[in-house]
Amino acid sequence: MIRLCAPHELAEGQSRGFVIDQLNLLAVRRAGQVHAYLNRCPHRGIALEWQKDDFLDDSGSLIRCATHGALFLIENGECVAGPCEGQALQRLTCREDANGIWIAP
């Protein structure tokens, strides 16, 4: 497992990007649970954000691709609107303990 950050460094409703071992990743905390994905839109294979750590839509309830506006469910990465509808972000196994938020790439 690879440590992303300390638990307090990803607040409720917050998204953050990470680059670890040349992997571009993102994590979102929603309803107390952390969800982690490769930071790569299934439509074009590009990074989702256009500003650092800005992965969520204006409501904070969906992950958004800034390039073409595709929207993804936070809980499972499924695209629910946009050119890649029906596809999904690549989910990463994620766990959290007192020492950190951990992923298995």
PDB file of N, CA and C in Angstrom:
ATOM      1  N   MET A   1       0.844  -1.191   0.000  1.00  0.00           N
ATOM      2  CA  MET A   1       0.000   0.000   0.000  1.00  0.00           C
ATOM      3  C   MET A   1       0.886   1.250   0.000  1.00  0.00           C
ATOM      4  N   ILE A   2       0.394   2.277  -0.648  1.00  0.00           N
ATOM      5  CA  ILE A   2       1.115   3.545  -0.743  1.00  0.00           C
ATOM      6  C   ILE A   2       0.318   4.609   0.007  1.00  0.00           C
ATOM      7  N   ARG A   3       1.013   5.369   0.840  1.00  0.00           N
ATOM      8  CA  ARG A   3       0.352   6.411   1.640  1.00  0.00           C
ATOM      9  C   ARG A   3       0.163   7.665   0.795  1.00  0.00           C
ATOM     10  N   LEU A   4      -1.088   8.142   0.720  1.00  0.00           N
ATOM     11  CA  LEU A   4      -1.372   9.388   0.016  1.00  0.00           C
ATOM     12  C   LEU A   4      -1.141  10.597   0.901  1.00  0.00           C
ATOM     13  N   CYS A   5      -1.722  10.550   2.109  1.00  0.00           N
ATOM     14  CA  CYS A   5      -1.633  11.696   3.010  1.00  0.00           C
ATOM     15  C   CYS A   5      -2.170  11.284   4.376  1.00  0.00           C
ATOM     16  N   ALA A   6      -2.062  12.195   5.321  1.00  0.00           N
ATOM     17  CA  ALA A   6      -2.658  11.983   6.645  1.00  0.00           C
ATOM     18  C   ALA A   6      -4.166  12.157   6.515  1.00  0.00           C
ATOM     19  N   PRO A   7      -4.952  11.486   7.348  1.00  0.00           N
ATOM     20  CA  PRO A   7      -6.407  11.602   7.269  1.00  0.00           C
ATOM     21  C   PRO A   7      -6.925  13.042   7.324  1.00  0.00           C
ATOM     22  N   HIS A   8      -6.328  13.879   8.177  1.00  0.00           N
ATOM     23  CA  HIS A   8      -6.803  15.261   8.320  1.00  0.00           C
ATOM     24  C   HIS A   8      -6.484  16.125   7.099  1.00  0.00           C
ATOM     25  N   GLU A   9      -5.656  15.635   6.193  1.00  0.00           N
ATOM     26  CA  GLU A   9      -5.294  16.400   5.000  1.00  0.00           C
ATOM     27  C   GLU A   9      -6.293  16.242   3.850  1.00  0.00           C
ATOM     28  N   LEU A  10      -7.348  15.470   4.061  1.00  0.00           N
ATOM     29  CA  LEU A  10      -8.437  15.352   3.092  1.00  0.00           C
ATOM     30  C   LEU A  10      -9.746  15.507   3.860  1.00  0.00           C
ATOM     31  N   ALA A  11     -10.238  16.725   3.899  1.00  0.00           N
ATOM     32  CA  ALA A  11     -11.435  17.050   4.678  1.00  0.00           C
ATOM     33  C   ALA A  11     -12.700  16.548   3.981  1.00  0.00           C
ATOM     34  N   GLU A  12     -13.768  16.461   4.726  1.00  0.00           N
ATOM     35  CA  GLU A  12     -15.077  16.086   4.184  1.00  0.00           C
ATOM     36  C   GLU A  12     -15.441  17.025   3.033  1.00  0.00           C
ATOM     37  N   GLY A  13     -15.862  16.435   1.909  1.00  0.00           N
ATOM     38  CA  GLY A  13     -16.267  17.208   0.739  1.00  0.00           C
ATOM     39  C   GLY A  13     -15.118  17.760  -0.084  1.00  0.00           C
ATOM     40  N   GLN A  14     -13.898  17.392   0.258  1.00  0.00           N
ATOM     41  CA  GLN A  14     -12.716  17.904  -0.441  1.00  0.00           C
ATOM     42  C   GLN A  14     -12.186  16.881  -1.435  1.00  0.00           C
ATOM     43  N   SER A  15     -11.577  17.386  -2.504  1.00  0.00           N
ATOM     44  CA  SER A  15     -10.858  16.539  -3.459  1.00  0.00           C
ATOM     45  C   SER A  15      -9.411  16.996  -3.505  1.00  0.00           C
ATOM     46  N   ARG A  16      -8.520  16.053  -3.778  1.00  0.00           N
ATOM     47  CA  ARG A  16      -7.087  16.368  -3.892  1.00  0.00           C
ATOM     48  C   ARG A  16      -6.461  15.491  -4.955  1.00  0.00           C
ATOM     49  N   GLY A  17      -5.480  16.060  -5.630  1.00  0.00           N
ATOM     50  CA  GLY A  17      -4.701  15.302  -6.594  1.00  0.00           C
ATOM     51  C   GLY A  17      -3.358  14.915  -6.011  1.00  0.00           C
ATOM     52  N   PHE A  18      -2.803  13.820  -6.509  1.00  0.00           N
ATOM     53  CA  PHE A  18      -1.513  13.311  -6.041  1.00  0.00           C
ATOM     54  C   PHE A  18      -0.755  12.756  -7.241  1.00  0.00           C
ATOM     55  N   VAL A  19       0.553  12.877  -7.223  1.00  0.00           N
ATOM     56  CA  VAL A  19       1.401  12.193  -8.190  1.00  0.00           C
ATOM     57  C   VAL A  19       2.372  11.349  -7.378  1.00  0.00           C
ATOM     58  N   ILE A  20       2.250  10.030  -7.537  1.00  0.00           N
ATOM     59  CA  ILE A  20       3.070   9.088  -6.780  1.00  0.00           C
ATOM     60  C   ILE A  20       3.603   8.045  -7.747  1.00  0.00           C
ATOM     61  N   ASP A  21       4.919   7.890  -7.777  1.00  0.00           N
ATOM     62  CA  ASP A  21       5.550   6.921  -8.675  1.00  0.00           C
ATOM     63  C   ASP A  21       5.031   7.073 -10.101  1.00  0.00           C
ATOM     64  N   GLN A  22       4.956   8.301 -10.582  1.00  0.00           N
ATOM     65  CA  GLN A  22       4.515   8.651 -11.931  1.00  0.00           C
ATOM     66  C   GLN A  22       3.038   8.330 -12.188  1.00  0.00           C
ATOM     67  N   LEU A  23       2.284   8.026 -11.150  1.00  0.00           N
ATOM     68  CA  LEU A  23       0.840   7.827 -11.285  1.00  0.00           C
ATOM     69  C   LEU A  23       0.128   9.115 -10.879  1.00  0.00           C
ATOM     70  N   ASN A  24      -0.774   9.575 -11.737  1.00  0.00           N
ATOM     71  CA  ASN A  24      -1.570  10.759 -11.474  1.00  0.00           C
ATOM     72  C   ASN A  24      -2.883  10.280 -10.849  1.00  0.00           C
ATOM     73  N   LEU A  25      -3.129  10.644  -9.585  1.00  0.00           N
ATOM     74  CA  LEU A  25      -4.254  10.110  -8.813  1.00  0.00           C
ATOM     75  C   LEU A  25      -5.127  11.238  -8.283  1.00  0.00           C
ATOM     76  N   LEU A  26      -6.346  10.872  -7.875  1.00  0.00           N
ATOM     77  CA  LEU A  26      -7.204  11.806  -7.170  1.00  0.00           C
ATOM     78  C   LEU A  26      -7.926  11.070  -6.066  1.00  0.00           C
ATOM     79  N   ALA A  27      -8.247  11.808  -5.017  1.00  0.00           N
ATOM     80  CA  ALA A  27      -9.006  11.254  -3.897  1.00  0.00           C
ATOM     81  C   ALA A  27     -10.064  12.262  -3.486  1.00  0.00           C
ATOM     82  N   VAL A  28     -11.214  11.749  -3.076  1.00  0.00           N
ATOM     83  CA  VAL A  28     -12.338  12.571  -2.620  1.00  0.00           C
ATOM     84  C   VAL A  28     -12.878  11.944  -1.336  1.00  0.00           C
ATOM     85  N   ARG A  29     -13.180  12.790  -0.354  1.00  0.00           N
ATOM     86  CA  ARG A  29     -13.844  12.297   0.855  1.00  0.00           C
ATOM     87  C   ARG A  29     -15.309  12.732   0.802  1.00  0.00           C
ATOM     88  N   ARG A  30     -16.190  11.739   0.879  1.00  0.00           N
ATOM     89  CA  ARG A  30     -17.627  12.028   0.879  1.00  0.00           C
ATOM     90  C   ARG A  30     -18.313  11.108   1.876  1.00  0.00           C
ATOM     91  N   ALA A  31     -19.154  11.693   2.722  1.00  0.00           N
ATOM     92  CA  ALA A  31     -19.869  10.955   3.770  1.00  0.00           C
ATOM     93  C   ALA A  31     -18.892  10.146   4.621  1.00  0.00           C
ATOM     94  N   GLY A  32     -17.722  10.739   4.888  1.00  0.00           N
ATOM     95  CA  GLY A  32     -16.726  10.110   5.735  1.00  0.00           C
ATOM     96  C   GLY A  32     -15.865   9.054   5.071  1.00  0.00           C
ATOM     97  N   GLN A  33     -16.164   8.697   3.845  1.00  0.00           N
ATOM     98  CA  GLN A  33     -15.422   7.652   3.134  1.00  0.00           C
ATOM     99  C   GLN A  33     -14.524   8.275   2.064  1.00  0.00           C
ATOM    100  N   VAL A  34     -13.326   7.717   1.903  1.00  0.00           N
ATOM    101  CA  VAL A  34     -12.404   8.188   0.878  1.00  0.00           C
ATOM    102  C   VAL A  34     -12.533   7.297  -0.347  1.00  0.00           C
ATOM    103  N   HIS A  35     -12.617   7.950  -1.511  1.00  0.00           N
ATOM    104  CA  HIS A  35     -12.691   7.268  -2.801  1.00  0.00           C
ATOM    105  C   HIS A  35     -11.490   7.733  -3.618  1.00  0.00           C
ATOM    106  N   ALA A  36     -10.763   6.784  -4.238  1.00  0.00           N
ATOM    107  CA  ALA A  36      -9.557   7.125  -4.991  1.00  0.00           C
ATOM    108  C   ALA A  36      -9.635   6.545  -6.406  1.00  0.00           C
ATOM    109  N   TYR A  37      -9.111   7.325  -7.367  1.00  0.00           N
ATOM    110  CA  TYR A  37      -9.151   6.956  -8.782  1.00  0.00           C
ATOM    111  C   TYR A  37      -7.870   7.409  -9.466  1.00  0.00           C
ATOM    112  N   LEU A  38      -7.581   6.785 -10.605  1.00  0.00           N
ATOM    113  CA  LEU A  38      -6.564   7.355 -11.473  1.00  0.00           C
ATOM    114  C   LEU A  38      -7.122   8.663 -12.004  1.00  0.00           C
ATOM    115  N   ASN A  39      -6.300   9.678 -12.081  1.00  0.00           N
ATOM    116  CA  ASN A  39      -6.716  10.982 -12.583  1.00  0.00           C
ATOM    117  C   ASN A  39      -6.592  10.969 -14.109  1.00  0.00           C
ATOM    118  N   ARG A  40      -7.544  10.276 -14.738  1.00  0.00           N
ATOM    119  CA  ARG A  40      -7.508  10.131 -16.193  1.00  0.00           C
ATOM    120  C   ARG A  40      -8.940   9.934 -16.692  1.00  0.00           C
ATOM    121  N   CYS A  41      -9.402  10.867 -17.512  1.00  0.00           N
ATOM    122  CA  CYS A  41     -10.743  10.768 -18.075  1.00  0.00           C
ATOM    123  C   CYS A  41     -10.784   9.618 -19.087  1.00  0.00           C
ATOM    124  N   PRO A  42     -11.801   8.761 -19.017  1.00  0.00           N
ATOM    125  CA  PRO A  42     -11.882   7.647 -19.968  1.00  0.00           C
ATOM    126  C   PRO A  42     -12.146   8.109 -21.405  1.00  0.00           C
ATOM    127  N   HIS A  43     -12.606   9.335 -21.591  1.00  0.00           N
ATOM    128  CA  HIS A  43     -12.901   9.844 -22.930  1.00  0.00           C
ATOM    129  C   HIS A  43     -11.636  10.152 -23.719  1.00  0.00           C
ATOM    130  N   ARG A  44     -10.714  10.893 -23.136  1.00  0.00           N
ATOM    131  CA  ARG A  44      -9.507  11.295 -23.846  1.00  0.00           C
ATOM    132  C   ARG A  44      -8.205  10.886 -23.155  1.00  0.00           C
ATOM    133  N   GLY A  45      -8.308  10.304 -21.975  1.00  0.00           N
ATOM    134  CA  GLY A  45      -7.105   9.885 -21.255  1.00  0.00           C
ATOM    135  C   GLY A  45      -6.322  11.027 -20.647  1.00  0.00           C
ATOM    136  N   ILE A  46      -6.971  12.183 -20.468  1.00  0.00           N
ATOM    137  CA  ILE A  46      -6.289  13.357 -19.916  1.00  0.00           C
ATOM    138  C   ILE A  46      -6.681  13.560 -18.458  1.00  0.00           C
ATOM    139  N   ALA A  47      -5.893  14.375 -17.756  1.00  0.00           N
ATOM    140  CA  ALA A  47      -6.195  14.697 -16.356  1.00  0.00           C
ATOM    141  C   ALA A  47      -7.535  15.423 -16.274  1.00  0.00           C
ATOM    142  N   LEU A  48      -8.248  15.225 -15.185  1.00  0.00           N
ATOM    143  CA  LEU A  48      -9.598  15.755 -15.026  1.00  0.00           C
ATOM    144  C   LEU A  48      -9.657  17.226 -14.625  1.00  0.00           C
ATOM    145  N   GLU A  49      -8.697  17.695 -13.840  1.00  0.00           N
ATOM    146  CA  GLU A  49      -8.785  19.044 -13.295  1.00  0.00           C
ATOM    147  C   GLU A  49      -8.072  20.059 -14.172  1.00  0.00           C
ATOM    148  N   TRP A  50      -8.496  21.323 -14.060  1.00  0.00           N
ATOM    149  CA  TRP A  50      -7.760  22.401 -14.732  1.00  0.00           C
ATOM    150  C   TRP A  50      -7.102  23.321 -13.725  1.00  0.00           C
ATOM    151  N   GLN A  51      -7.479  23.197 -12.458  1.00  0.00           N
ATOM    152  CA  GLN A  51      -6.812  23.885 -11.363  1.00  0.00           C
ATOM    153  C   GLN A  51      -6.461  22.844 -10.311  1.00  0.00           C
ATOM    154  N   LYS A  52      -5.372  23.072  -9.604  1.00  0.00           N
ATOM    155  CA  LYS A  52      -4.899  22.128  -8.595  1.00  0.00           C
ATOM    156  C   LYS A  52      -6.017  21.739  -7.617  1.00  0.00           C
ATOM    157  N   ASP A  53      -6.201  20.447  -7.446  1.00  0.00           N
ATOM    158  CA  ASP A  53      -7.143  19.868  -6.478  1.00  0.00           C
ATOM    159  C   ASP A  53      -8.612  20.230  -6.748  1.00  0.00           C
ATOM    160  N   ASP A  54      -8.942  20.663  -7.948  1.00  0.00           N
ATOM    161  CA  ASP A  54     -10.309  21.065  -8.290  1.00  0.00           C
ATOM    162  C   ASP A  54     -10.951  19.997  -9.178  1.00  0.00           C
ATOM    163  N   PHE A  55     -11.502  18.953  -8.539  1.00  0.00           N
ATOM    164  CA  PHE A  55     -12.069  17.819  -9.262  1.00  0.00           C
ATOM    165  C   PHE A  55     -13.590  17.759  -9.213  1.00  0.00           C
ATOM    166  N   LEU A  56     -14.225  18.558  -8.375  1.00  0.00           N
ATOM    167  CA  LEU A  56     -15.667  18.427  -8.155  1.00  0.00           C
ATOM    168  C   LEU A  56     -16.454  19.497  -8.910  1.00  0.00           C
ATOM    169  N   ASP A  57     -17.705  19.165  -9.241  1.00  0.00           N
ATOM    170  CA  ASP A  57     -18.579  20.144  -9.871  1.00  0.00           C
ATOM    171  C   ASP A  57     -18.973  21.207  -8.839  1.00  0.00           C
ATOM    172  N   ASP A  58     -19.735  22.196  -9.277  1.00  0.00           N
ATOM    173  CA  ASP A  58     -20.086  23.306  -8.386  1.00  0.00           C
ATOM    174  C   ASP A  58     -20.888  22.872  -7.163  1.00  0.00           C
ATOM    175  N   SER A  59     -21.645  21.780  -7.287  1.00  0.00           N
ATOM    176  CA  SER A  59     -22.434  21.298  -6.146  1.00  0.00           C
ATOM    177  C   SER A  59     -21.594  20.474  -5.174  1.00  0.00           C
ATOM    178  N   GLY A  60     -20.401  20.047  -5.600  1.00  0.00           N
ATOM    179  CA  GLY A  60     -19.543  19.210  -4.766  1.00  0.00           C
ATOM    180  C   GLY A  60     -20.012  17.770  -4.689  1.00  0.00           C
ATOM    181  N   SER A  61     -20.959  17.393  -5.542  1.00  0.00           N
ATOM    182  CA  SER A  61     -21.528  16.045  -5.464  1.00  0.00           C
ATOM    183  C   SER A  61     -21.075  15.101  -6.572  1.00  0.00           C
ATOM    184  N   LEU A  62     -20.345  15.615  -7.571  1.00  0.00           N
ATOM    185  CA  LEU A  62     -19.868  14.791  -8.682  1.00  0.00           C
ATOM    186  C   LEU A  62     -18.444  15.183  -9.026  1.00  0.00           C
ATOM    187  N   ILE A  63     -17.683  14.227  -9.539  1.00  0.00           N
ATOM    188  CA  ILE A  63     -16.360  14.510 -10.090  1.00  0.00           C
ATOM    189  C   ILE A  63     -16.584  15.013 -11.510  1.00  0.00           C
ATOM    190  N   ARG A  64     -15.882  16.058 -11.897  1.00  0.00           N
ATOM    191  CA  ARG A  64     -16.082  16.671 -13.216  1.00  0.00           C
ATOM    192  C   ARG A  64     -14.777  16.694 -14.006  1.00  0.00           C
ATOM    193  N   CYS A  65     -14.872  16.383 -15.281  1.00  0.00           N
ATOM    194  CA  CYS A  65     -13.747  16.569 -16.193  1.00  0.00           C
ATOM    195  C   CYS A  65     -13.813  18.002 -16.695  1.00  0.00           C
ATOM    196  N   ALA A  66     -12.810  18.792 -16.383  1.00  0.00           N
ATOM    197  CA  ALA A  66     -12.806  20.199 -16.748  1.00  0.00           C
ATOM    198  C   ALA A  66     -12.692  20.406 -18.257  1.00  0.00           C
ATOM    199  N   THR A  67     -12.170  19.441 -18.993  1.00  0.00           N
ATOM    200  CA  THR A  67     -11.973  19.618 -20.435  1.00  0.00           C
ATOM    201  C   THR A  67     -13.283  19.581 -21.204  1.00  0.00           C
ATOM    202  N   HIS A  68     -14.141  18.605 -20.920  1.00  0.00           N
ATOM    203  CA  HIS A  68     -15.373  18.501 -21.705  1.00  0.00           C
ATOM    204  C   HIS A  68     -16.631  18.323 -20.853  1.00  0.00           C
ATOM    205  N   GLY A  69     -16.517  18.484 -19.551  1.00  0.00           N
ATOM    206  CA  GLY A  69     -17.685  18.526 -18.686  1.00  0.00           C
ATOM    207  C   GLY A  69     -18.300  17.202 -18.295  1.00  0.00           C
ATOM    208  N   ALA A  70     -17.655  16.091 -18.580  1.00  0.00           N
ATOM    209  CA  ALA A  70     -18.198  14.792 -18.149  1.00  0.00           C
ATOM    210  C   ALA A  70     -18.317  14.782 -16.632  1.00  0.00           C
ATOM    211  N   LEU A  71     -19.373  14.118 -16.141  1.00  0.00           N
ATOM    212  CA  LEU A  71     -19.626  14.040 -14.705  1.00  0.00           C
ATOM    213  C   LEU A  71     -19.615  12.590 -14.251  1.00  0.00           C
ATOM    214  N   PHE A  72     -18.947  12.345 -13.129  1.00  0.00           N
ATOM    215  CA  PHE A  72     -18.752  10.994 -12.606  1.00  0.00           C
ATOM    216  C   PHE A  72     -19.250  10.910 -11.168  1.00  0.00           C
ATOM    217  N   LEU A  73     -19.878   9.787 -10.813  1.00  0.00           N
ATOM    218  CA  LEU A  73     -20.288   9.553  -9.438  1.00  0.00           C
ATOM    219  C   LEU A  73     -19.052   9.394  -8.557  1.00  0.00           C
ATOM    220  N   ILE A  74     -19.058  10.032  -7.408  1.00  0.00           N
ATOM    221  CA  ILE A  74     -17.920   9.940  -6.491  1.00  0.00           C
ATOM    222  C   ILE A  74     -17.773   8.515  -5.963  1.00  0.00           C
ATOM    223  N   GLU A  75     -18.884   7.859  -5.681  1.00  0.00           N
ATOM    224  CA  GLU A  75     -18.850   6.552  -5.016  1.00  0.00           C
ATOM    225  C   GLU A  75     -18.299   5.420  -5.880  1.00  0.00           C
ATOM    226  N   ASN A  76     -18.461   5.486  -7.198  1.00  0.00           N
ATOM    227  CA  ASN A  76     -17.972   4.376  -8.035  1.00  0.00           C
ATOM    228  C   ASN A  76     -17.288   4.806  -9.323  1.00  0.00           C
ATOM    229  N   GLY A  77     -17.208   6.106  -9.599  1.00  0.00           N
ATOM    230  CA  GLY A  77     -16.511   6.612 -10.775  1.00  0.00           C
ATOM    231  C   GLY A  77     -17.277   6.508 -12.077  1.00  0.00           C
ATOM    232  N   GLU A  78     -18.527   6.055 -12.032  1.00  0.00           N
ATOM    233  CA  GLU A  78     -19.310   5.901 -13.261  1.00  0.00           C
ATOM    234  C   GLU A  78     -19.630   7.266 -13.872  1.00  0.00           C
ATOM    235  N   CYS A  79     -19.448   7.378 -15.197  1.00  0.00           N
ATOM    236  CA  CYS A  79     -19.802   8.602 -15.906  1.00  0.00           C
ATOM    237  C   CYS A  79     -21.308   8.623 -16.126  1.00  0.00           C
ATOM    238  N   VAL A  80     -21.954   9.689 -15.644  1.00  0.00           N
ATOM    239  CA  VAL A  80     -23.410   9.799 -15.746  1.00  0.00           C
ATOM    240  C   VAL A  80     -23.839  10.887 -16.732  1.00  0.00           C
ATOM    241  N   ALA A  81     -22.888  11.669 -17.247  1.00  0.00           N
ATOM    242  CA  ALA A  81     -23.194  12.694 -18.249  1.00  0.00           C
ATOM    243  C   ALA A  81     -21.917  13.049 -18.990  1.00  0.00           C
ATOM    244  N   GLY A  82     -22.045  13.252 -20.296  1.00  0.00           N
ATOM    245  CA  GLY A  82     -20.895  13.646 -21.102  1.00  0.00           C
ATOM    246  C   GLY A  82     -20.560  12.606 -22.148  1.00  0.00           C
ATOM    247  N   PRO A  83     -19.478  12.830 -22.893  1.00  0.00           N
ATOM    248  CA  PRO A  83     -19.138  11.973 -24.025  1.00  0.00           C
ATOM    249  C   PRO A  83     -18.705  10.551 -23.661  1.00  0.00           C
ATOM    250  N   CYS A  84     -18.396  10.303 -22.404  1.00  0.00           N
ATOM    251  CA  CYS A  84     -17.990   8.948 -22.002  1.00  0.00           C
ATOM    252  C   CYS A  84     -19.038   8.311 -21.095  1.00  0.00           C
ATOM    253  N   GLU A  85     -20.301   8.745 -21.217  1.00  0.00           N
ATOM    254  CA  GLU A  85     -21.392   8.214 -20.396  1.00  0.00           C
ATOM    255  C   GLU A  85     -21.421   6.692 -20.478  1.00  0.00           C
ATOM    256  N   GLY A  86     -21.541   6.061 -19.314  1.00  0.00           N
ATOM    257  CA  GLY A  86     -21.539   4.598 -19.236  1.00  0.00           C
ATOM    258  C   GLY A  86     -20.165   4.023 -18.957  1.00  0.00           C
ATOM    259  N   GLN A  87     -19.103   4.787 -19.201  1.00  0.00           N
ATOM    260  CA  GLN A  87     -17.755   4.340 -18.847  1.00  0.00           C
ATOM    261  C   GLN A  87     -17.485   4.765 -17.402  1.00  0.00           C
ATOM    262  N   ALA A  88     -16.293   4.498 -16.913  1.00  0.00           N
ATOM    263  CA  ALA A  88     -15.991   4.844 -15.518  1.00  0.00           C
ATOM    264  C   ALA A  88     -14.519   5.187 -15.344  1.00  0.00           C
ATOM    265  N   LEU A  89     -14.252   5.956 -14.314  1.00  0.00           N
ATOM    266  CA  LEU A  89     -12.878   6.205 -13.879  1.00  0.00           C
ATOM    267  C   LEU A  89     -12.313   4.908 -13.340  1.00  0.00           C
ATOM    268  N   GLN A  90     -10.992   4.755 -13.410  1.00  0.00           N
ATOM    269  CA  GLN A  90     -10.361   3.551 -12.872  1.00  0.00           C
ATOM    270  C   GLN A  90     -10.193   3.701 -11.371  1.00  0.00           C
ATOM    271  N   ARG A  91     -10.950   2.892 -10.649  1.00  0.00           N
ATOM    272  CA  ARG A  91     -10.973   2.942  -9.185  1.00  0.00           C
ATOM    273  C   ARG A  91      -9.729   2.277  -8.601  1.00  0.00           C
ATOM    274  N   LEU A  92      -9.254   2.815  -7.489  1.00  0.00           N
ATOM    275  CA  LEU A  92      -8.122   2.252  -6.771  1.00  0.00           C
ATOM    276  C   LEU A  92      -8.593   1.736  -5.418  1.00  0.00           C
ATOM    277  N   THR A  93      -8.038   0.632  -4.986  1.00  0.00           N
ATOM    278  CA  THR A  93      -8.322   0.128  -3.654  1.00  0.00           C
ATOM    279  C   THR A  93      -7.778   1.136  -2.658  1.00  0.00           C
ATOM    280  N   CYS A  94      -8.607   1.520  -1.710  1.00  0.00           N
ATOM    281  CA  CYS A  94      -8.251   2.579  -0.779  1.00  0.00           C
ATOM    282  C   CYS A  94      -8.681   2.170   0.628  1.00  0.00           C
ATOM    283  N   ARG A  95      -7.841   2.493   1.605  1.00  0.00           N
ATOM    284  CA  ARG A  95      -8.223   2.277   3.001  1.00  0.00           C
ATOM    285  C   ARG A  95      -7.666   3.431   3.825  1.00  0.00           C
ATOM    286  N   GLU A  96      -8.214   3.587   5.009  1.00  0.00           N
ATOM    287  CA  GLU A  96      -7.802   4.670   5.886  1.00  0.00           C
ATOM    288  C   GLU A  96      -7.631   4.138   7.300  1.00  0.00           C
ATOM    289  N   ASP A  97      -6.586   4.601   7.958  1.00  0.00           N
ATOM    290  CA  ASP A  97      -6.389   4.314   9.372  1.00  0.00           C
ATOM    291  C   ASP A  97      -5.856   5.576  10.041  1.00  0.00           C
ATOM    292  N   ALA A  98      -5.494   5.504  11.279  1.00  0.00           N
ATOM    293  CA  ALA A  98      -5.045   6.681  12.021  1.00  0.00           C
ATOM    294  C   ALA A  98      -3.769   7.273  11.458  1.00  0.00           C
ATOM    295  N   ASN A  99      -2.982   6.483  10.730  1.00  0.00           N
ATOM    296  CA  ASN A  99      -1.706   6.946  10.203  1.00  0.00           C
ATOM    297  C   ASN A  99      -1.780   7.504   8.789  1.00  0.00           C
ATOM    298  N   GLY A 100      -2.896   7.255   8.069  1.00  0.00           N
ATOM    299  CA  GLY A 100      -2.957   7.779   6.722  1.00  0.00           C
ATOM    300  C   GLY A 100      -4.076   7.238   5.879  1.00  0.00           C
ATOM    301  N   ILE A 101      -4.140   7.785   4.676  1.00  0.00           N
ATOM    302  CA  ILE A 101      -4.995   7.271   3.616  1.00  0.00           C
ATOM    303  C   ILE A 101      -4.080   6.532   2.668  1.00  0.00           C
ATOM    304  N   TRP A 102      -4.422   5.278   2.377  1.00  0.00           N
ATOM    305  CA  TRP A 102      -3.547   4.371   1.644  1.00  0.00           C
ATOM    306  C   TRP A 102      -4.244   3.864   0.383  1.00  0.00           C
ATOM    307  N   ILE A 103      -3.483   3.698  -0.689  1.00  0.00           N
ATOM    308  CA  ILE A 103      -4.042   3.118  -1.917  1.00  0.00           C
ATOM    309  C   ILE A 103      -3.152   1.968  -2.382  1.00  0.00           C
ATOM    310  N   ALA A 104      -3.774   1.078  -3.149  1.00  0.00           N
ATOM    311  CA  ALA A 104      -3.031   0.027  -3.821  1.00  0.00           C
ATOM    312  C   ALA A 104      -3.181   0.280  -5.315  1.00  0.00           C
ATOM    313  N   PRO A 105      -2.133   0.778  -5.971  1.00  0.00           N
ATOM    314  CA  PRO A 105      -2.249   1.127  -7.398  1.00  0.00           C
ATOM    315  C   PRO A 105      -2.376  -0.096  -8.293  1.00  0.00           C
TER     316      PRO A 105
END
